[in-house]
Amino acid sequence: MKIISCIIIILFLLVISCKESPDKPDILFIAIDDMNDWITPLGGRENMHTPNIDALAGRGMLFENAHCTAPACCPSRTSVMTGVRPSTSGIYANTQIWRHSTVLEKALTIPEFFREQGYTVRGGGKIFHALSWIQTAYGIDQNDFTVWDEYYPSMSRSIPPSIWPESYEIDSLGTVYWENIAGRETEGRPSYFFDWGPLGKEEDMADNKVVDWAISKLKEKYDKPLFLAVGIYRPHIPWFVPEEYFDLYPVEERDLPAILENDLDDVSPASYRWVRRNWQKWMIENEQWKYAVQAYEASISFSDAMLGKLIRGLDESGRADNTIIVLWSDHGMHIGEKEQWEKFTLWEESTRVPLIIIVPGLTKAGSRSVEAVSLLDIYPTLVRLAGKKKFDQLEGTDLLPLIKDPDSKRDEPAITTFHKDNHSVRTERWRYIRYFNGDEELYDHKNDPDEYYNLADSVDLKPIIEELSKWLPEINVNEL
């Protein structure tokens, strides 16, 4: 009788164990906002402190030549989460409501797909576009809360109430009241949102709260596989992070980004409407450029620390060996290159992004690909990893061939779109840009990685332009 009882108990424990360790892998889906290629794995800036991104790249696959589909938060994130190009959906700007697109009103998003596959679907922080603390049309939370089983901080808000620590008083525009900080000039600042400084304790920061919540979810037991999306807001402006991260980058030791005088002389006038020359003018006149560099670098290192904390939580949860990790940033960032600040261009600073994928049992630790890939490729890759076939909605190409063989080649370039009929085509060597008015730019990354010299007028390179232009999107939906 005792033997039978023991057998029953063992069988019961085996059933429970199977439920807590489903065959399907968990998925940790990490989005970082506004992170450009200054991080060490992408060549980076000298003396950058990104040890956790470095370590993550070392345990998985880094796509060295990954690019966003749009150099703005809403269209980029919408494209990632739906697998649909901006030129197909008509979602080109941050002020648009993506579900209002007739193409996207019934589109199946990534979390919806995994819910259909039997996953518990949870998320926290900025995954879809959201600036929900600003009470304007621009600040509408774009998250589709109907597709999640749980969301932090709530099922109606994607981001904790403030991107500033709660212990600091702010006015209706989000301006922090504090004593003057060395290197922080505010008079005539181009935007109240364009601000920075050492501020707050790490435990008070919104990103830290999102990561703490995510770690608590990793510790829970589930009877289904887990899809967990975690959005880290920094290094998006304003660059307010704890002082310890500013201390990593003494301002007197920071170099300005390499620039070419009169760099815009050979580019299309069509691009000028996006270039914030007044921001650059203010930076130079007020001697703020180095301080802004320091603040952006500090914010990168802060987000890196948040990533490290999250990955440690994953490792300590015992789930890592059965968890697919996807790390991406929605677009890059100009810090004065081509007289531009933030993103909103079709140049390298705006389009190139970190993309790291780890698939247990498939990716080789420390593997890299130099092929041009797009964030549009994330969704079809996850679909294939789920054992399903790519469906018609998805316009990207799955990355499994590159994951299996990092040295393999592919013909398809990365396409970036900013507003209607403005596109960039990026291959391993070339960047070709065509604007709505027919103006063109061509850059040779083999000889000109900074995109200083527009070669579009070169007769010898016309065949290159003709070949690259074949990849321009045929569908260009009007902006909603």
Protein backbone atom coordinates (compact mmCIF):
# COMPACT_ATOMS: atom_id res chain seq x y z
CA MET A 1 0.00 0.00 0.00
CA LYS A 2 2.84 2.35 0.89
CA ILE A 3 4.47 1.60 -2.47
CA ILE A 4 1.27 2.49 -4.34
CA SER A 5 0.95 5.74 -2.37
CA CYS A 6 4.54 6.67 -3.20
CA ILE A 7 3.94 5.99 -6.89
CA ILE A 8 0.83 8.19 -6.85
CA ILE A 9 2.74 11.02 -5.16
CA ILE A 10 5.60 10.75 -7.66
CA LEU A 11 3.20 10.83 -10.61
CA PHE A 12 1.44 13.86 -9.13
CA LEU A 13 4.74 15.69 -8.72
CA LEU A 14 5.70 14.86 -12.29
CA VAL A 15 2.43 16.33 -13.57
CA ILE A 16 2.94 19.51 -11.55
CA SER A 17 6.53 19.72 -12.77
CA CYS A 18 5.41 19.43 -16.38
CA LYS A 19 2.90 22.22 -15.94
CA GLU A 20 5.53 24.53 -14.47
CA SER A 21 8.03 23.73 -17.26
CA PRO A 22 6.02 23.72 -20.49
CA ASP A 23 7.59 22.48 -23.71
CA LYS A 24 7.05 25.82 -25.40
CA PRO A 25 9.79 28.33 -24.54
CA ASP A 26 9.09 31.47 -22.56
CA ILE A 27 9.78 34.75 -24.36
CA LEU A 28 11.36 37.83 -22.81
CA PHE A 29 10.72 40.72 -25.20
CA ILE A 30 12.73 43.83 -24.25
CA ALA A 31 12.31 47.25 -25.89
CA ILE A 32 14.71 50.10 -25.13
CA ASP A 33 13.77 53.61 -26.24
CA ASP A 34 16.01 55.84 -28.41
CA MET A 35 19.20 53.79 -28.08
CA ASN A 36 21.61 54.40 -30.96
CA ASP A 37 24.80 52.60 -31.96
CA TRP A 38 27.04 54.20 -29.33
CA ILE A 39 26.95 50.98 -27.31
CA THR A 40 30.10 48.89 -27.26
CA PRO A 41 28.85 45.86 -29.26
CA LEU A 42 28.04 48.13 -32.22
CA GLY A 43 31.42 49.82 -32.31
CA GLY A 44 30.29 52.47 -29.92
CA ARG A 45 31.90 55.49 -28.39
CA GLU A 46 35.20 55.30 -26.59
CA ASN A 47 34.91 54.35 -22.91
CA MET A 48 31.18 53.61 -23.04
CA HIS A 49 29.91 51.62 -20.05
CA THR A 50 27.41 49.05 -21.32
CA PRO A 51 28.57 45.84 -19.61
CA ASN A 52 25.15 44.22 -19.56
CA ILE A 53 24.38 44.76 -23.24
CA ASP A 54 27.90 43.53 -23.96
CA ALA A 55 27.23 40.39 -21.92
CA LEU A 56 23.86 39.77 -23.56
CA ALA A 57 25.41 40.05 -27.02
CA GLY A 58 28.05 37.59 -25.86
CA ARG A 59 25.51 34.93 -24.95
CA GLY A 60 23.40 35.24 -28.11
CA MET A 61 23.34 36.71 -31.61
CA LEU A 62 24.00 40.36 -32.41
CA PHE A 63 22.71 41.83 -35.65
CA GLU A 64 25.32 44.51 -36.34
CA ASN A 65 23.42 46.10 -39.21
CA ALA A 66 19.86 46.27 -37.86
CA HIS A 67 17.60 49.21 -38.73
CA CYS A 68 14.23 50.56 -37.69
CA THR A 69 11.26 50.76 -40.04
CA ALA A 70 10.63 54.39 -39.06
CA PRO A 71 12.70 56.94 -37.11
CA ALA A 72 9.90 57.86 -34.68
CA CYS A 73 8.41 56.00 -31.73
CA CYS A 74 4.82 55.36 -32.82
CA PRO A 75 5.38 54.21 -36.41
CA SER A 76 8.41 52.14 -35.46
CA ARG A 77 6.76 50.36 -32.54
CA THR A 78 3.52 49.89 -34.45
CA SER A 79 5.46 48.27 -37.27
CA VAL A 80 7.34 45.96 -34.91
CA MET A 81 4.21 44.89 -33.05
CA THR A 82 2.09 44.31 -36.17
CA GLY A 83 4.69 43.31 -38.76
CA VAL A 84 3.31 45.91 -41.18
CA ARG A 85 5.36 48.65 -42.87
CA PRO A 86 4.49 52.31 -42.19
CA SER A 87 4.03 52.82 -45.93
CA THR A 88 1.40 50.06 -45.93
CA SER A 89 -0.46 51.15 -42.79
CA GLY A 90 -0.24 54.93 -43.18
CA ILE A 91 1.12 55.26 -39.63
CA TYR A 92 4.02 57.68 -40.05
CA ALA A 93 3.96 59.97 -36.98
CA ASN A 94 3.76 59.92 -33.19
CA THR A 95 0.38 61.67 -33.08
CA GLN A 96 -1.49 58.97 -35.01
CA ILE A 97 -3.72 56.29 -33.45
CA TRP A 98 -2.54 53.10 -35.09
CA ARG A 99 -5.80 51.17 -34.69
CA HIS A 100 -7.48 53.90 -36.79
CA SER A 101 -5.60 52.59 -39.82
CA THR A 102 -7.94 50.47 -41.95
CA VAL A 103 -5.02 48.12 -42.52
CA LEU A 104 -4.34 47.71 -38.79
CA GLU A 105 -7.78 47.90 -37.19
CA LYS A 106 -7.95 44.09 -37.08
CA ALA A 107 -4.24 43.33 -37.27
CA LEU A 108 -2.95 40.55 -35.03
CA THR A 109 -0.26 41.96 -32.73
CA ILE A 110 2.63 39.99 -31.28
CA PRO A 111 1.02 39.55 -27.83
CA GLU A 112 -2.26 38.51 -29.46
CA PHE A 113 -0.43 35.92 -31.53
CA PHE A 114 1.19 34.37 -28.48
CA ARG A 115 -2.04 34.44 -26.52
CA GLU A 116 -3.54 32.40 -29.36
CA GLN A 117 -0.63 29.96 -29.00
CA GLY A 118 -1.60 29.34 -25.38
CA TYR A 119 0.77 31.78 -23.67
CA THR A 120 0.22 33.90 -20.59
CA VAL A 121 0.84 37.40 -21.99
CA ARG A 122 2.11 40.13 -19.68
CA GLY A 123 3.76 43.47 -20.28
CA GLY A 124 5.09 46.55 -18.55
CA GLY A 125 6.55 49.89 -19.58
CA LYS A 126 6.72 51.35 -23.07
CA ILE A 127 6.11 48.65 -25.68
CA PHE A 128 3.56 50.30 -27.92
CA HIS A 129 3.98 54.08 -28.18
CA ALA A 130 3.03 55.98 -25.05
CA LEU A 131 3.80 59.35 -23.49
CA SER A 132 0.81 59.09 -21.22
CA TRP A 133 1.87 61.67 -18.62
CA ILE A 134 1.39 64.43 -21.20
CA GLN A 135 -2.31 65.26 -21.39
CA THR A 136 -2.46 66.08 -25.08
CA ALA A 137 -3.19 64.20 -28.29
CA TYR A 138 0.55 63.57 -28.51
CA GLY A 139 0.43 61.84 -25.15
CA ILE A 140 -2.32 59.34 -25.91
CA ASP A 141 -1.37 55.85 -24.76
CA GLN A 142 -1.20 53.68 -27.87
CA ASN A 143 -1.13 50.38 -26.00
CA ASP A 144 -3.87 47.91 -26.93
CA PHE A 145 -4.69 46.77 -23.41
CA THR A 146 -7.21 44.21 -24.65
CA VAL A 147 -4.40 41.91 -25.81
CA TRP A 148 -2.66 41.53 -22.43
CA ASP A 149 -3.48 39.33 -19.46
CA GLU A 150 -1.77 41.85 -17.19
CA TYR A 151 0.02 45.16 -17.68
CA TYR A 152 2.15 47.37 -15.43
CA PRO A 153 1.52 49.93 -14.07
CA SER A 154 -2.12 49.29 -15.01
CA MET A 155 -4.41 48.05 -17.76
CA SER A 156 -4.94 51.68 -18.80
CA ARG A 157 -1.41 53.11 -18.55
CA SER A 158 1.82 51.83 -20.10
CA ILE A 159 4.32 53.96 -18.22
CA PRO A 160 4.52 54.84 -14.51
CA PRO A 161 3.00 58.28 -13.82
CA SER A 162 6.22 60.22 -14.29
CA ILE A 163 9.55 59.77 -15.99
CA TRP A 164 10.96 61.88 -13.17
CA PRO A 165 11.33 60.46 -9.65
CA GLU A 166 8.09 60.89 -7.72
CA SER A 167 9.85 62.78 -4.94
CA TYR A 168 10.41 65.80 -7.20
CA GLU A 169 7.81 68.48 -7.78
CA ILE A 170 6.84 69.04 -11.42
CA ASP A 171 4.48 71.47 -13.09
CA SER A 172 1.79 70.69 -15.69
CA LEU A 173 4.37 70.62 -18.49
CA GLY A 174 6.64 68.26 -16.62
CA THR A 175 9.29 70.86 -15.71
CA VAL A 176 11.26 69.89 -12.63
CA TYR A 177 11.82 72.49 -9.91
CA TRP A 178 15.32 72.22 -8.55
CA GLU A 179 18.48 74.17 -7.90
CA ASN A 180 20.72 74.98 -10.85
CA ILE A 181 23.11 72.23 -11.83
CA ALA A 182 26.46 72.95 -13.42
CA GLY A 183 26.28 72.61 -17.18
CA ARG A 184 22.51 72.86 -17.37
CA GLU A 185 21.52 76.00 -19.28
CA THR A 186 17.75 76.35 -19.70
CA GLU A 187 17.21 79.88 -21.06
CA GLY A 188 15.85 79.65 -24.60
CA ARG A 189 15.99 75.88 -24.55
CA PRO A 190 14.43 74.54 -27.81
CA SER A 191 11.96 72.31 -25.93
CA TYR A 192 10.93 71.96 -22.29
CA PHE A 193 11.21 68.22 -22.85
CA PHE A 194 14.83 68.54 -23.99
CA ASP A 195 16.46 68.57 -20.57
CA TRP A 196 18.88 66.59 -18.45
CA GLY A 197 20.70 66.32 -15.18
CA PRO A 198 21.64 63.99 -12.31
CA LEU A 199 18.40 63.42 -10.46
CA GLY A 200 16.91 60.96 -8.03
CA LYS A 201 17.68 57.57 -6.58
CA GLU A 202 17.62 54.43 -8.68
CA GLU A 203 14.77 52.88 -6.69
CA ASP A 204 12.57 55.91 -7.49
CA MET A 205 13.06 55.75 -11.25
CA ALA A 206 10.15 54.60 -13.40
CA ASP A 207 12.29 52.13 -15.35
CA ASN A 208 13.46 50.52 -12.13
CA LYS A 209 9.86 50.00 -11.04
CA VAL A 210 9.00 48.38 -14.37
CA VAL A 211 11.98 46.03 -14.08
CA ASP A 212 11.13 45.14 -10.46
CA TRP A 213 7.60 44.27 -11.57
CA ALA A 214 8.93 42.15 -14.45
CA ILE A 215 11.26 40.24 -12.13
CA SER A 216 8.34 39.50 -9.82
CA LYS A 217 6.48 38.00 -12.79
CA LEU A 218 9.48 35.83 -13.67
CA LYS A 219 9.39 34.40 -10.15
CA GLU A 220 5.78 33.28 -10.43
CA LYS A 221 4.70 29.77 -11.41
CA TYR A 222 2.58 29.29 -14.51
CA ASP A 223 0.65 26.42 -16.05
CA LYS A 224 1.29 27.96 -19.49
CA PRO A 225 4.39 29.39 -21.22
CA LEU A 226 5.06 33.08 -20.55
CA PHE A 227 5.40 35.96 -23.01
CA LEU A 228 6.75 38.90 -21.01
CA ALA A 229 7.30 42.29 -22.66
CA VAL A 230 9.42 44.85 -20.79
CA GLY A 231 9.82 48.44 -21.97
CA ILE A 232 12.76 50.52 -20.73
CA TYR A 233 12.16 54.22 -21.37
CA ARG A 234 15.70 55.61 -21.12
CA PRO A 235 17.71 56.86 -22.99
CA HIS A 236 14.72 58.80 -24.36
CA ILE A 237 14.71 62.48 -23.38
CA PRO A 238 14.62 64.04 -20.82
CA TRP A 239 17.92 62.61 -19.65
CA PHE A 240 17.33 62.55 -15.90
CA VAL A 241 19.11 59.61 -14.27
CA PRO A 242 20.90 59.14 -10.92
CA GLU A 243 24.19 60.96 -10.45
CA GLU A 244 26.27 57.78 -10.39
CA TYR A 245 25.68 57.38 -14.12
CA PHE A 246 26.78 60.94 -14.90
CA ASP A 247 29.91 60.25 -12.85
CA LEU A 248 30.88 57.56 -15.35
CA TYR A 249 31.39 60.28 -17.96
CA PRO A 250 33.29 63.34 -16.65
CA VAL A 251 32.23 66.10 -19.01
CA GLU A 252 35.78 67.38 -19.49
CA GLU A 253 36.73 63.96 -20.88
CA ARG A 254 33.89 63.66 -23.36
CA ASP A 255 34.49 64.22 -27.05
CA LEU A 256 31.88 65.68 -29.34
CA PRO A 257 30.57 63.45 -32.14
CA ALA A 258 32.67 63.59 -35.29
CA ILE A 259 31.09 66.01 -37.74
CA LEU A 260 31.93 67.48 -41.13
CA GLU A 261 31.61 71.23 -41.54
CA ASN A 262 28.86 72.08 -44.02
CA ASP A 263 27.79 68.44 -44.01
CA LEU A 264 24.32 69.39 -45.23
CA ASP A 265 25.52 71.17 -48.36
CA ASP A 266 25.12 68.07 -50.54
CA VAL A 267 21.89 66.66 -49.12
CA SER A 268 18.37 67.10 -50.37
CA PRO A 269 16.47 70.23 -49.31
CA ALA A 270 13.62 67.80 -48.65
CA SER A 271 15.47 66.66 -45.54
CA TYR A 272 15.81 70.18 -44.10
CA ARG A 273 12.28 70.21 -42.74
CA TRP A 274 13.34 67.56 -40.24
CA VAL A 275 16.76 68.95 -39.28
CA ARG A 276 16.67 70.89 -36.01
CA ARG A 277 19.30 73.46 -36.82
CA ASN A 278 17.89 75.79 -34.15
CA TRP A 279 18.61 73.11 -31.54
CA GLN A 280 22.19 72.81 -32.76
CA LYS A 281 22.58 76.59 -32.78
CA TRP A 282 21.36 76.81 -29.19
CA MET A 283 23.70 74.00 -28.13
CA ILE A 284 26.76 75.70 -29.56
CA GLU A 285 25.89 79.23 -28.43
CA ASN A 286 25.21 78.07 -24.87
CA GLU A 287 28.13 75.63 -24.75
CA GLN A 288 25.81 72.75 -23.90
CA TRP A 289 26.82 70.15 -26.46
CA LYS A 290 29.30 68.28 -24.23
CA TYR A 291 26.81 68.28 -21.38
CA ALA A 292 24.18 66.77 -23.65
CA VAL A 293 26.65 64.10 -24.78
CA GLN A 294 27.37 63.29 -21.15
CA ALA A 295 23.66 63.12 -20.30
CA TYR A 296 22.83 60.82 -23.21
CA GLU A 297 25.73 58.51 -22.37
CA ALA A 298 24.65 58.48 -18.71
CA SER A 299 21.13 57.55 -19.78
CA ILE A 300 22.45 54.72 -21.95
CA SER A 301 24.39 53.35 -18.98
CA PHE A 302 21.33 53.66 -16.74
CA SER A 303 19.22 51.66 -19.20
CA ASP A 304 22.06 49.14 -19.43
CA ALA A 305 21.94 48.75 -15.64
CA MET A 306 18.18 48.17 -15.82
CA LEU A 307 18.74 45.53 -18.49
CA GLY A 308 21.37 43.86 -16.32
CA LYS A 309 19.02 43.77 -13.35
CA LEU A 310 16.29 42.20 -15.51
CA ILE A 311 18.59 39.52 -16.95
CA ARG A 312 19.89 38.66 -13.48
CA GLY A 313 16.26 38.25 -12.42
CA LEU A 314 15.71 35.90 -15.35
CA ASP A 315 18.79 33.85 -14.50
CA GLU A 316 17.83 33.62 -10.83
CA SER A 317 14.29 32.53 -11.74
CA GLY A 318 15.59 29.33 -13.30
CA ARG A 319 13.80 30.12 -16.58
CA ALA A 320 16.76 31.26 -18.68
CA ASP A 321 17.49 27.87 -20.27
CA ASN A 322 13.98 27.83 -21.73
CA THR A 323 13.59 31.52 -22.59
CA ILE A 324 13.94 33.23 -25.95
CA ILE A 325 15.26 36.77 -25.44
CA VAL A 326 14.71 39.56 -27.95
CA LEU A 327 16.31 42.96 -27.27
CA TRP A 328 15.62 45.88 -29.62
CA SER A 329 15.45 49.65 -29.71
CA ASP A 330 12.78 51.49 -31.68
CA HIS A 331 15.25 53.81 -33.48
CA GLY A 332 18.55 55.58 -33.06
CA MET A 333 19.48 59.11 -32.00
CA HIS A 334 21.33 62.12 -33.39
CA ILE A 335 23.49 64.03 -30.91
CA GLY A 336 24.42 66.87 -33.26
CA GLU A 337 25.51 64.85 -36.29
CA LYS A 338 24.29 66.53 -39.48
CA GLU A 339 23.12 69.39 -37.21
CA GLN A 340 20.28 67.17 -35.98
CA TRP A 341 19.03 66.24 -32.51
CA GLU A 342 16.88 63.26 -31.61
CA LYS A 343 15.79 61.08 -34.54
CA PHE A 344 13.38 61.92 -37.40
CA THR A 345 15.80 61.44 -40.33
CA LEU A 346 16.67 58.68 -42.79
CA TRP A 347 20.39 58.78 -41.96
CA GLU A 348 22.42 56.18 -40.05
CA GLU A 349 22.21 57.91 -36.67
CA SER A 350 18.41 57.62 -36.73
CA THR A 351 17.99 54.19 -38.28
CA ARG A 352 20.68 51.91 -36.84
CA VAL A 353 19.61 50.11 -33.68
CA PRO A 354 20.65 47.33 -31.31
CA LEU A 355 19.07 43.95 -32.03
CA ILE A 356 20.06 40.87 -30.03
CA ILE A 357 18.30 37.51 -30.15
CA ILE A 358 18.95 34.49 -27.94
CA VAL A 359 17.29 31.16 -28.72
CA PRO A 360 18.33 28.37 -26.33
CA GLY A 361 19.79 25.46 -28.24
CA LEU A 362 19.93 27.40 -31.50
CA THR A 363 21.93 30.62 -31.25
CA LYS A 364 25.67 30.38 -30.89
CA ALA A 365 27.11 32.46 -28.08
CA GLY A 366 28.79 35.60 -29.40
CA SER A 367 27.61 35.13 -32.97
CA ARG A 368 27.18 38.15 -35.25
CA SER A 369 25.70 38.99 -38.63
CA VAL A 370 26.65 41.98 -40.77
CA GLU A 371 23.67 41.58 -43.10
CA ALA A 372 21.19 44.44 -43.20
CA VAL A 373 18.08 43.43 -41.27
CA SER A 374 14.96 45.26 -40.13
CA LEU A 375 12.98 45.40 -36.91
CA LEU A 376 10.13 44.34 -39.21
CA ASP A 377 11.77 40.90 -39.19
CA ILE A 378 11.22 40.32 -35.46
CA TYR A 379 7.57 39.27 -35.69
CA PRO A 380 7.98 36.67 -38.48
CA THR A 381 11.04 35.31 -36.66
CA LEU A 382 9.01 34.75 -33.49
CA VAL A 383 6.24 33.15 -35.53
CA ARG A 384 8.71 30.67 -37.01
CA LEU A 385 10.22 29.99 -33.59
CA ALA A 386 6.70 29.19 -32.39
CA GLY A 387 6.56 26.50 -35.06
CA LYS A 388 4.05 28.37 -37.21
CA LYS A 389 4.16 29.55 -40.80
CA LYS A 390 4.42 33.23 -41.66
CA PHE A 391 0.96 34.63 -42.41
CA ASP A 392 -0.06 37.25 -44.98
CA GLN A 393 -0.14 40.23 -42.60
CA LEU A 394 3.62 40.04 -41.98
CA GLU A 395 5.83 41.98 -44.40
CA GLY A 396 9.19 41.16 -42.84
CA THR A 397 11.48 38.19 -43.40
CA ASP A 398 12.29 35.76 -40.62
CA LEU A 399 15.85 35.76 -39.34
CA LEU A 400 16.18 32.03 -38.73
CA PRO A 401 18.54 31.44 -41.68
CA LEU A 402 20.94 34.05 -40.24
CA ILE A 403 20.51 32.73 -36.71
CA LYS A 404 21.38 29.22 -37.86
CA ASP A 405 24.27 30.43 -40.04
CA PRO A 406 25.51 33.92 -39.07
CA ASP A 407 27.81 34.01 -42.11
CA SER A 408 24.99 33.43 -44.58
CA LYS A 409 23.83 36.17 -46.95
CA ARG A 410 20.46 37.53 -47.89
CA ASP A 411 19.40 39.78 -50.73
CA GLU A 412 16.73 41.82 -48.98
CA PRO A 413 17.84 45.24 -47.64
CA ALA A 414 16.45 47.12 -44.64
CA ILE A 415 13.83 49.74 -45.51
CA THR A 416 13.19 52.79 -43.33
CA THR A 417 10.32 55.18 -44.02
CA PHE A 418 9.59 58.63 -42.61
CA HIS A 419 6.30 60.14 -43.74
CA LYS A 420 4.82 59.31 -47.10
CA ASP A 421 7.15 58.60 -50.04
CA ASN A 422 10.41 59.14 -48.12
CA HIS A 423 12.43 55.94 -47.91
CA SER A 424 15.92 54.69 -47.11
CA VAL A 425 17.28 51.43 -48.51
CA ARG A 426 20.20 50.03 -46.47
CA THR A 427 22.38 47.11 -47.53
CA GLU A 428 25.63 45.90 -46.02
CA ARG A 429 27.51 48.54 -48.05
CA TRP A 430 25.08 51.16 -49.31
CA ARG A 431 22.42 53.55 -48.10
CA TYR A 432 20.12 54.96 -50.76
CA ILE A 433 17.51 57.60 -49.90
CA ARG A 434 14.73 58.85 -52.12
CA TYR A 435 12.46 61.66 -50.96
CA PHE A 436 8.88 62.46 -51.96
CA ASN A 437 10.08 65.04 -54.53
CA GLY A 438 12.46 62.62 -56.26
CA ASP A 439 15.66 63.94 -54.63
CA GLU A 440 18.21 61.25 -53.90
CA GLU A 441 21.15 60.52 -51.63
CA LEU A 442 23.64 57.66 -51.83
CA TYR A 443 26.29 56.78 -49.26
CA ASP A 444 29.05 54.18 -49.46
CA HIS A 445 29.53 52.71 -45.98
CA LYS A 446 32.65 50.86 -47.03
CA ASN A 447 34.48 54.16 -47.52
CA ASP A 448 32.23 56.64 -45.73
CA PRO A 449 30.63 55.15 -42.58
CA ASP A 450 29.67 58.63 -41.34
CA GLU A 451 27.64 59.38 -44.47
CA TYR A 452 29.49 62.61 -45.15
CA TYR A 453 29.51 62.42 -48.95
CA ASN A 454 26.37 62.11 -51.04
CA LEU A 455 27.28 60.18 -54.21
CA ALA A 456 23.86 60.27 -55.86
CA ASP A 457 25.11 62.46 -58.73
CA SER A 458 27.93 60.08 -59.64
CA VAL A 459 27.35 58.73 -63.16
CA ASP A 460 29.40 55.63 -62.36
CA LEU A 461 27.06 54.73 -59.50
CA LYS A 462 23.78 55.01 -61.40
CA PRO A 463 23.56 51.20 -61.73
CA ILE A 464 23.78 50.95 -57.93
CA ILE A 465 20.92 53.43 -57.54
CA GLU A 466 18.84 51.59 -60.13
CA GLU A 467 19.31 48.31 -58.29
CA LEU A 468 18.57 49.74 -54.85
CA SER A 469 15.53 51.65 -56.06
CA LYS A 470 13.86 48.34 -56.94
CA TRP A 471 13.38 47.79 -53.22
CA LEU A 472 11.41 50.99 -52.61
CA PRO A 473 7.92 50.17 -51.28
CA GLU A 474 5.30 50.05 -54.02
CA ILE A 475 2.51 50.89 -51.58
CA ASN A 476 2.56 54.39 -50.08
CA VAL A 477 -0.66 54.96 -48.16
CA ASN A 478 -1.68 58.54 -47.38
CA GLU A 479 -0.99 59.69 -43.84
CA LEU A 480 -4.07 59.41 -41.65
